[in-house]
Structures are given as C-alpha cells and as structure tokens.
C-alpha cells in the first residue's frame, strides 16, 4: 500500500462496458502513459462523476502525485470527476 511507482505526468483514463447477466457493468482503468503502469481499476454499475472521481483519487494515492494531464474520451463524468478529485 505504500509503494508509489515512478510514473510520468500524463495518465490515460478509459472505460469499457461489459454485459453481465443482462446488465451493463463498467470497467474503468487509469494507466500511466510513460510506463503503462495500471494505477487504478474500478468496476461499477454506473458511469457517473462519482465513479470517475473515485478512480482518479485511487490513482493519485497510488502514484503519490497528481498528473499534469489526463487523457480521456471527454465524457462529462470524467471531466467533472477528475476536476473534483
């Protein structure tokens, strides 16, 4: 829990939807662009600002820093969630 990988200042956040038992389940990831280290993953039943915020907070905690840039698909949930985190 105290390990902070030596990651860069550009992170990439993305999500994919999985269909499980007829329901949509979202799998989120944030990876470091330089090292390709997976900083955070999250499985959620929704695609909300709160989900994006929790993902970003986990990634920042693991990295021990915040990035200068987060590349996303420009979804409002990402834009708002990253800003709130």
PDB file of N, CA and C in Angstrom:
ATOM      1  N   UNK A   1       0.817  -1.213   0.000  1.00  0.00           N
ATOM      2  CA  UNK A   1       0.000   0.000   0.000  1.00  0.00           C
ATOM      3  C   UNK A   1       0.850   1.262   0.000  1.00  0.00           C
ATOM      4  N   UNK A   2       2.106   1.165   0.430  1.00  0.00           N
ATOM      5  CA  UNK A   2       2.979   2.338   0.474  1.00  0.00           C
ATOM      6  C   UNK A   2       3.849   2.489  -0.770  1.00  0.00           C
ATOM      7  N   UNK A   3       3.706   1.595  -1.734  1.00  0.00           N
ATOM      8  CA  UNK A   3       4.502   1.660  -2.955  1.00  0.00           C
ATOM      9  C   UNK A   3       3.947   2.739  -3.883  1.00  0.00           C
ATOM     10  N   UNK A   4       4.814   3.624  -4.326  1.00  0.00           N
ATOM     11  CA  UNK A   4       4.442   4.664  -5.284  1.00  0.00           C
ATOM     12  C   UNK A   4       5.319   4.491  -6.518  1.00  0.00           C
ATOM     13  N   UNK A   5       4.767   3.975  -7.613  1.00  0.00           N
ATOM     14  CA  UNK A   5       5.565   3.752  -8.816  1.00  0.00           C
ATOM     15  C   UNK A   5       6.081   5.064  -9.393  1.00  0.00           C
ATOM     16  N   UNK A   6       7.191   4.995 -10.076  1.00  0.00           N
ATOM     17  CA  UNK A   6       7.793   6.168 -10.710  1.00  0.00           C
ATOM     18  C   UNK A   6       7.101   6.398 -12.051  1.00  0.00           C
ATOM     19  N   UNK A   7       5.983   7.098 -11.999  1.00  0.00           N
ATOM     20  CA  UNK A   7       5.181   7.319 -13.199  1.00  0.00           C
ATOM     21  C   UNK A   7       5.356   8.742 -13.711  1.00  0.00           C
ATOM     22  N   UNK A   8       4.924   8.939 -14.947  1.00  0.00           N
ATOM     23  CA  UNK A   8       5.041  10.248 -15.579  1.00  0.00           C
ATOM     24  C   UNK A   8       3.893  11.172 -15.216  1.00  0.00           C
ATOM     25  N   UNK A   9       3.776  12.242 -15.970  1.00  0.00           N
ATOM     26  CA  UNK A   9       2.785  13.275 -15.701  1.00  0.00           C
ATOM     27  C   UNK A   9       1.596  13.247 -16.641  1.00  0.00           C
ATOM     28  N   UNK A  10       1.519  12.211 -17.483  1.00  0.00           N
ATOM     29  CA  UNK A  10       0.378  12.052 -18.387  1.00  0.00           C
ATOM     30  C   UNK A  10      -0.240  10.685 -18.122  1.00  0.00           C
ATOM     31  N   UNK A  11      -1.509  10.697 -17.753  1.00  0.00           N
ATOM     32  CA  UNK A  11      -2.235   9.460 -17.495  1.00  0.00           C
ATOM     33  C   UNK A  11      -3.374   9.328 -18.502  1.00  0.00           C
ATOM     34  N   UNK A  12      -3.760   8.101 -18.785  1.00  0.00           N
ATOM     35  CA  UNK A  12      -4.852   7.822 -19.722  1.00  0.00           C
ATOM     36  C   UNK A  12      -5.955   7.094 -18.960  1.00  0.00           C
ATOM     37  N   UNK A  13      -7.164   7.631 -19.024  1.00  0.00           N
ATOM     38  CA  UNK A  13      -8.318   7.019 -18.363  1.00  0.00           C
ATOM     39  C   UNK A  13      -9.304   6.561 -19.429  1.00  0.00           C
ATOM     40  N   UNK A  14      -9.823   5.361 -19.244  1.00  0.00           N
ATOM     41  CA  UNK A  14     -10.805   4.838 -20.194  1.00  0.00           C
ATOM     42  C   UNK A  14     -11.678   3.822 -19.489  1.00  0.00           C
ATOM     43  N   UNK A  15     -12.795   3.529 -20.107  1.00  0.00           N
ATOM     44  CA  UNK A  15     -13.705   2.549 -19.555  1.00  0.00           C
ATOM     45  C   UNK A  15     -14.282   1.706 -20.685  1.00  0.00           C
ATOM     46  N   UNK A  16     -14.755   0.549 -20.315  1.00  0.00           N
ATOM     47  CA  UNK A  16     -15.444  -0.312 -21.257  1.00  0.00           C
ATOM     48  C   UNK A  16     -16.658  -0.892 -20.561  1.00  0.00           C
ATOM     49  N   UNK A  17     -17.683  -1.170 -21.323  1.00  0.00           N
ATOM     50  CA  UNK A  17     -18.889  -1.738 -20.745  1.00  0.00           C
ATOM     51  C   UNK A  17     -18.880  -3.245 -21.006  1.00  0.00           C
ATOM     52  N   UNK A  18     -19.211  -3.972 -19.964  1.00  0.00           N
ATOM     53  CA  UNK A  18     -19.346  -5.423 -20.054  1.00  0.00           C
ATOM     54  C   UNK A  18     -20.813  -5.753 -19.829  1.00  0.00           C
ATOM     55  N   UNK A  19     -21.316  -6.712 -20.556  1.00  0.00           N
ATOM     56  CA  UNK A  19     -22.704  -7.147 -20.376  1.00  0.00           C
ATOM     57  C   UNK A  19     -22.674  -8.422 -19.541  1.00  0.00           C
ATOM     58  N   UNK A  20     -23.142  -8.341 -18.310  1.00  0.00           N
ATOM     59  CA  UNK A  20     -23.120  -9.479 -17.399  1.00  0.00           C
ATOM     60  C   UNK A  20     -24.538  -9.740 -16.907  1.00  0.00           C
ATOM     61  N   UNK A  21     -25.040 -10.918 -17.189  1.00  0.00           N
ATOM     62  CA  UNK A  21     -26.416 -11.294 -16.803  1.00  0.00           C
ATOM     63  C   UNK A  21     -27.432 -10.245 -17.228  1.00  0.00           C
ATOM     64  N   UNK A  22     -27.245  -9.699 -18.421  1.00  0.00           N
ATOM     65  CA  UNK A  22     -28.187  -8.727 -18.961  1.00  0.00           C
ATOM     66  C   UNK A  22     -28.029  -7.310 -18.453  1.00  0.00           C
ATOM     67  N   UNK A  23     -27.062  -7.074 -17.577  1.00  0.00           N
ATOM     68  CA  UNK A  23     -26.850  -5.727 -17.028  1.00  0.00           C
ATOM     69  C   UNK A  23     -25.523  -5.158 -17.512  1.00  0.00           C
ATOM     70  N   UNK A  24     -25.472  -3.846 -17.659  1.00  0.00           N
ATOM     71  CA  UNK A  24     -24.226  -3.176 -18.012  1.00  0.00           C
ATOM     72  C   UNK A  24     -23.369  -3.000 -16.765  1.00  0.00           C
ATOM     73  N   UNK A  25     -22.116  -3.413 -16.877  1.00  0.00           N
ATOM     74  CA  UNK A  25     -21.139  -3.232 -15.813  1.00  0.00           C
ATOM     75  C   UNK A  25     -19.947  -2.506 -16.436  1.00  0.00           C
ATOM     76  N   UNK A  26     -19.503  -1.425 -15.797  1.00  0.00           N
ATOM     77  CA  UNK A  26     -18.433  -0.599 -16.341  1.00  0.00           C
ATOM     78  C   UNK A  26     -17.101  -0.954 -15.698  1.00  0.00           C
ATOM     79  N   UNK A  27     -16.080  -1.150 -16.519  1.00  0.00           N
ATOM     80  CA  UNK A  27     -14.725  -1.407 -16.053  1.00  0.00           C
ATOM     81  C   UNK A  27     -13.877  -0.197 -16.423  1.00  0.00           C
ATOM     82  N   UNK A  28     -13.409   0.508 -15.398  1.00  0.00           N
ATOM     83  CA  UNK A  28     -12.588   1.708 -15.567  1.00  0.00           C
ATOM     84  C   UNK A  28     -11.118   1.389 -15.294  1.00  0.00           C
ATOM     85  N   UNK A  29     -10.216   2.066 -15.998  1.00  0.00           N
ATOM     86  CA  UNK A  29      -8.781   1.967 -15.744  1.00  0.00           C
ATOM     87  C   UNK A  29      -8.138   3.328 -15.922  1.00  0.00           C
ATOM     88  N   UNK A  30      -7.084   3.580 -15.159  1.00  0.00           N
ATOM     89  CA  UNK A  30      -6.182   4.712 -15.408  1.00  0.00           C
ATOM     90  C   UNK A  30      -4.779   4.124 -15.482  1.00  0.00           C
ATOM     91  N   UNK A  31      -4.097   4.416 -16.588  1.00  0.00           N
ATOM     92  CA  UNK A  31      -2.727   3.949 -16.749  1.00  0.00           C
ATOM     93  C   UNK A  31      -1.797   5.135 -17.007  1.00  0.00           C
ATOM     94  N   UNK A  32      -0.550   4.955 -16.636  1.00  0.00           N
ATOM     95  CA  UNK A  32       0.471   5.968 -16.891  1.00  0.00           C
ATOM     96  C   UNK A  32       0.936   5.823 -18.335  1.00  0.00           C
ATOM     97  N   UNK A  33       0.969   6.924 -19.061  1.00  0.00           N
ATOM     98  CA  UNK A  33       1.355   6.877 -20.470  1.00  0.00           C
ATOM     99  C   UNK A  33       2.806   6.424 -20.659  1.00  0.00           C
ATOM    100  N   UNK A  34       3.689   6.866 -19.786  1.00  0.00           N
ATOM    101  CA  UNK A  34       5.123   6.570 -19.934  1.00  0.00           C
ATOM    102  C   UNK A  34       5.445   5.105 -19.637  1.00  0.00           C
ATOM    103  N   UNK A  35       4.966   4.598 -18.519  1.00  0.00           N
ATOM    104  CA  UNK A  35       5.353   3.254 -18.076  1.00  0.00           C
ATOM    105  C   UNK A  35       4.316   2.185 -18.388  1.00  0.00           C
ATOM    106  N   UNK A  36       3.094   2.596 -18.720  1.00  0.00           N
ATOM    107  CA  UNK A  36       1.955   1.699 -18.932  1.00  0.00           C
ATOM    108  C   UNK A  36       1.537   0.998 -17.636  1.00  0.00           C
ATOM    109  N   UNK A  37       1.943   1.533 -16.504  1.00  0.00           N
ATOM    110  CA  UNK A  37       1.590   1.001 -15.194  1.00  0.00           C
ATOM    111  C   UNK A  37       0.107   1.292 -14.932  1.00  0.00           C
ATOM    112  N   UNK A  38      -0.635   0.280 -14.546  1.00  0.00           N
ATOM    113  CA  UNK A  38      -2.046   0.471 -14.214  1.00  0.00           C
ATOM    114  C   UNK A  38      -2.130   1.053 -12.808  1.00  0.00           C
ATOM    115  N   UNK A  39      -2.546   2.291 -12.727  1.00  0.00           N
ATOM    116  CA  UNK A  39      -2.625   2.979 -11.438  1.00  0.00           C
ATOM    117  C   UNK A  39      -3.902   2.653 -10.679  1.00  0.00           C
ATOM    118  N   UNK A  40      -4.994   2.457 -11.385  1.00  0.00           N
ATOM    119  CA  UNK A  40      -6.262   2.160 -10.715  1.00  0.00           C
ATOM    120  C   UNK A  40      -7.213   1.491 -11.683  1.00  0.00           C
ATOM    121  N   UNK A  41      -8.006   0.595 -11.142  1.00  0.00           N
ATOM    122  CA  UNK A  41      -9.107  -0.042 -11.868  1.00  0.00           C
ATOM    123  C   UNK A  41     -10.330   0.021 -10.977  1.00  0.00           C
ATOM    124  N   UNK A  42     -11.479   0.041 -11.610  1.00  0.00           N
ATOM    125  CA  UNK A  42     -12.729   0.108 -10.850  1.00  0.00           C
ATOM    126  C   UNK A  42     -13.825  -0.569 -11.656  1.00  0.00           C
ATOM    127  N   UNK A  43     -14.631  -1.362 -10.983  1.00  0.00           N
ATOM    128  CA  UNK A  43     -15.816  -1.966 -11.589  1.00  0.00           C
ATOM    129  C   UNK A  43     -17.020  -1.280 -10.965  1.00  0.00           C
ATOM    130  N   UNK A  44     -17.942  -0.812 -11.808  1.00  0.00           N
ATOM    131  CA  UNK A  44     -19.098  -0.072 -11.301  1.00  0.00           C
ATOM    132  C   UNK A  44     -20.343  -0.417 -12.108  1.00  0.00           C
ATOM    133  N   UNK A  45     -21.469  -0.255 -11.483  1.00  0.00           N
ATOM    134  CA  UNK A  45     -22.743  -0.463 -12.167  1.00  0.00           C
ATOM    135  C   UNK A  45     -23.234   0.811 -12.835  1.00  0.00           C
ATOM    136  N   UNK A  46     -22.463   1.886 -12.705  1.00  0.00           N
ATOM    137  CA  UNK A  46     -22.848   3.168 -13.278  1.00  0.00           C
ATOM    138  C   UNK A  46     -21.646   3.819 -13.953  1.00  0.00           C
ATOM    139  N   UNK A  47     -21.925   4.890 -14.652  1.00  0.00           N
ATOM    140  CA  UNK A  47     -20.883   5.667 -15.337  1.00  0.00           C
ATOM    141  C   UNK A  47     -21.100   7.133 -14.957  1.00  0.00           C
ATOM    142  N   UNK A  48     -20.727   7.445 -13.714  1.00  0.00           N
ATOM    143  CA  UNK A  48     -21.042   8.762 -13.165  1.00  0.00           C
ATOM    144  C   UNK A  48     -19.782   9.539 -12.804  1.00  0.00           C
ATOM    145  N   UNK A  49     -19.997  10.792 -12.474  1.00  0.00           N
ATOM    146  CA  UNK A  49     -18.915  11.643 -11.990  1.00  0.00           C
ATOM    147  C   UNK A  49     -18.286  11.048 -10.741  1.00  0.00           C
ATOM    148  N   UNK A  50     -19.106  10.516  -9.842  1.00  0.00           N
ATOM    149  CA  UNK A  50     -18.586   9.924  -8.604  1.00  0.00           C
ATOM    150  C   UNK A  50     -17.666   8.737  -8.905  1.00  0.00           C
ATOM    151  N   UNK A  51     -18.009   7.939  -9.904  1.00  0.00           N
ATOM    152  CA  UNK A  51     -17.157   6.809 -10.284  1.00  0.00           C
ATOM    153  C   UNK A  51     -15.802   7.298 -10.803  1.00  0.00           C
ATOM    154  N   UNK A  52     -15.824   8.297 -11.666  1.00  0.00           N
ATOM    155  CA  UNK A  52     -14.583   8.854 -12.209  1.00  0.00           C
ATOM    156  C   UNK A  52     -13.745   9.498 -11.107  1.00  0.00           C
ATOM    157  N   UNK A  53     -14.398  10.167 -10.177  1.00  0.00           N
ATOM    158  CA  UNK A  53     -13.686  10.806  -9.062  1.00  0.00           C
ATOM    159  C   UNK A  53     -12.981   9.760  -8.202  1.00  0.00           C
ATOM    160  N   UNK A  54     -13.682   8.675  -7.863  1.00  0.00           N
ATOM    161  CA  UNK A  54     -13.076   7.612  -7.048  1.00  0.00           C
ATOM    162  C   UNK A  54     -11.894   6.974  -7.762  1.00  0.00           C
ATOM    163  N   UNK A  55     -12.016   6.778  -9.061  1.00  0.00           N
ATOM    164  CA  UNK A  55     -10.926   6.207  -9.855  1.00  0.00           C
ATOM    165  C   UNK A  55      -9.707   7.120  -9.811  1.00  0.00           C
ATOM    166  N   UNK A  56      -9.915   8.411 -10.009  1.00  0.00           N
ATOM    167  CA  UNK A  56      -8.820   9.378 -10.013  1.00  0.00           C
ATOM    168  C   UNK A  56      -8.168   9.490  -8.638  1.00  0.00           C
ATOM    169  N   UNK A  57      -8.970   9.490  -7.587  1.00  0.00           N
ATOM    170  CA  UNK A  57      -8.411   9.575  -6.234  1.00  0.00           C
ATOM    171  C   UNK A  57      -7.552   8.347  -5.915  1.00  0.00           C
ATOM    172  N   UNK A  58      -8.003   7.177  -6.325  1.00  0.00           N
ATOM    173  CA  UNK A  58      -7.212   5.962  -6.106  1.00  0.00           C
ATOM    174  C   UNK A  58      -5.902   6.019  -6.865  1.00  0.00           C
ATOM    175  N   UNK A  59      -5.944   6.463  -8.116  1.00  0.00           N
ATOM    176  CA  UNK A  59      -4.728   6.554  -8.934  1.00  0.00           C
ATOM    177  C   UNK A  59      -3.740   7.543  -8.322  1.00  0.00           C
ATOM    178  N   UNK A  60      -4.220   8.701  -7.892  1.00  0.00           N
ATOM    179  CA  UNK A  60      -3.340   9.711  -7.299  1.00  0.00           C
ATOM    180  C   UNK A  60      -2.722   9.212  -5.999  1.00  0.00           C
ATOM    181  N   UNK A  61      -3.506   8.499  -5.216  1.00  0.00           N
ATOM    182  CA  UNK A  61      -2.993   7.956  -3.963  1.00  0.00           C
ATOM    183  C   UNK A  61      -1.893   6.925  -4.232  1.00  0.00           C
ATOM    184  N   UNK A  62      -2.120   6.053  -5.199  1.00  0.00           N
ATOM    185  CA  UNK A  62      -1.123   5.027  -5.517  1.00  0.00           C
ATOM    186  C   UNK A  62       0.143   5.625  -6.097  1.00  0.00           C
ATOM    187  N   UNK A  63      -0.016   6.651  -6.927  1.00  0.00           N
ATOM    188  CA  UNK A  63       1.145   7.275  -7.556  1.00  0.00           C
ATOM    189  C   UNK A  63       1.881   8.208  -6.598  1.00  0.00           C
ATOM    190  N   UNK A  64       1.189   8.689  -5.592  1.00  0.00           N
ATOM    191  CA  UNK A  64       1.789   9.652  -4.679  1.00  0.00           C
ATOM    192  C   UNK A  64       1.902  11.032  -5.295  1.00  0.00           C
ATOM    193  N   UNK A  65       1.113  11.270  -6.324  1.00  0.00           N
ATOM    194  CA  UNK A  65       1.129  12.568  -7.009  1.00  0.00           C
ATOM    195  C   UNK A  65      -0.094  12.678  -7.897  1.00  0.00           C
ATOM    196  N   UNK A  66      -0.304  13.864  -8.455  1.00  0.00           N
ATOM    197  CA  UNK A  66      -1.350  14.047  -9.454  1.00  0.00           C
ATOM    198  C   UNK A  66      -0.686  14.334 -10.791  1.00  0.00           C
ATOM    199  N   UNK A  67      -1.327  13.973 -11.880  1.00  0.00           N
ATOM    200  CA  UNK A  67      -0.720  14.201 -13.194  1.00  0.00           C
ATOM    201  C   UNK A  67      -0.919  15.642 -13.662  1.00  0.00           C
ATOM    202  N   UNK A  68      -0.144  16.018 -14.650  1.00  0.00           N
ATOM    203  CA  UNK A  68      -0.351  17.323 -15.287  1.00  0.00           C
ATOM    204  C   UNK A  68      -1.482  17.230 -16.306  1.00  0.00           C
ATOM    205  N   UNK A  69      -1.630  16.042 -16.932  1.00  0.00           N
ATOM    206  CA  UNK A  69      -2.628  15.828 -17.980  1.00  0.00           C
ATOM    207  C   UNK A  69      -3.271  14.461 -17.784  1.00  0.00           C
ATOM    208  N   UNK A  70      -4.586  14.404 -17.960  1.00  0.00           N
ATOM    209  CA  UNK A  70      -5.299  13.130 -18.008  1.00  0.00           C
ATOM    210  C   UNK A  70      -6.018  13.081 -19.351  1.00  0.00           C
ATOM    211  N   UNK A  71      -5.690  12.096 -20.155  1.00  0.00           N
ATOM    212  CA  UNK A  71      -6.312  11.925 -21.466  1.00  0.00           C
ATOM    213  C   UNK A  71      -7.531  11.026 -21.292  1.00  0.00           C
ATOM    214  N   UNK A  72      -8.693  11.503 -21.770  1.00  0.00           N
ATOM    215  CA  UNK A  72      -9.943  10.749 -21.669  1.00  0.00           C
ATOM    216  C   UNK A  72     -10.694  10.848 -22.986  1.00  0.00           C
ATOM    217  N   UNK A  73     -11.874  10.220 -23.003  1.00  0.00           N
ATOM    218  CA  UNK A  73     -12.736  10.325 -24.179  1.00  0.00           C
ATOM    219  C   UNK A  73     -13.644  11.556 -24.108  1.00  0.00           C
ATOM    220  N   UNK A  74     -13.378  12.436 -23.176  1.00  0.00           N
ATOM    221  CA  UNK A  74     -14.107  13.701 -22.982  1.00  0.00           C
ATOM    222  C   UNK A  74     -15.517  13.513 -22.437  1.00  0.00           C
ATOM    223  N   UNK A  75     -15.807  12.365 -21.858  1.00  0.00           N
ATOM    224  CA  UNK A  75     -17.099  12.153 -21.207  1.00  0.00           C
ATOM    225  C   UNK A  75     -17.242  13.143 -20.060  1.00  0.00           C
ATOM    226  N   UNK A  76     -18.436  13.688 -19.890  1.00  0.00           N
ATOM    227  CA  UNK A  76     -18.664  14.656 -18.809  1.00  0.00           C
ATOM    228  C   UNK A  76     -18.341  14.063 -17.448  1.00  0.00           C
ATOM    229  N   UNK A  77     -18.591  12.769 -17.269  1.00  0.00           N
ATOM    230  CA  UNK A  77     -18.288  12.162 -15.968  1.00  0.00           C
ATOM    231  C   UNK A  77     -16.795  12.228 -15.679  1.00  0.00           C
ATOM    232  N   UNK A  78     -15.959  12.037 -16.702  1.00  0.00           N
ATOM    233  CA  UNK A  78     -14.513  12.162 -16.499  1.00  0.00           C
ATOM    234  C   UNK A  78     -14.120  13.609 -16.223  1.00  0.00           C
ATOM    235  N   UNK A  79     -14.591  14.501 -17.041  1.00  0.00           N
ATOM    236  CA  UNK A  79     -14.197  15.900 -16.899  1.00  0.00           C
ATOM    237  C   UNK A  79     -14.549  16.417 -15.503  1.00  0.00           C
ATOM    238  N   UNK A  80     -15.735  16.142 -15.040  1.00  0.00           N
ATOM    239  CA  UNK A  80     -16.169  16.618 -13.721  1.00  0.00           C
ATOM    240  C   UNK A  80     -15.485  15.831 -12.598  1.00  0.00           C
ATOM    241  N   UNK A  81     -15.409  14.505 -12.738  1.00  0.00           N
ATOM    242  CA  UNK A  81     -14.815  13.681 -11.698  1.00  0.00           C
ATOM    243  C   UNK A  81     -13.345  13.963 -11.468  1.00  0.00           C
ATOM    244  N   UNK A  82     -12.600  14.158 -12.533  1.00  0.00           N
ATOM    245  CA  UNK A  82     -11.173  14.468 -12.412  1.00  0.00           C
ATOM    246  C   UNK A  82     -10.994  15.835 -11.769  1.00  0.00           C
ATOM    247  N   UNK A  83     -11.807  16.784 -12.165  1.00  0.00           N
ATOM    248  CA  UNK A  83     -11.730  18.123 -11.575  1.00  0.00           C
ATOM    249  C   UNK A  83     -12.037  18.076 -10.082  1.00  0.00           C
ATOM    250  N   UNK A  84     -13.035  17.322  -9.681  1.00  0.00           N
ATOM    251  CA  UNK A  84     -13.404  17.222  -8.266  1.00  0.00           C
ATOM    252  C   UNK A  84     -12.332  16.515  -7.439  1.00  0.00           C
ATOM    253  N   UNK A  85     -11.682  15.536  -8.042  1.00  0.00           N
ATOM    254  CA  UNK A  85     -10.634  14.804  -7.308  1.00  0.00           C
ATOM    255  C   UNK A  85      -9.432  15.704  -7.107  1.00  0.00           C
TER     256      UNK A  85
END
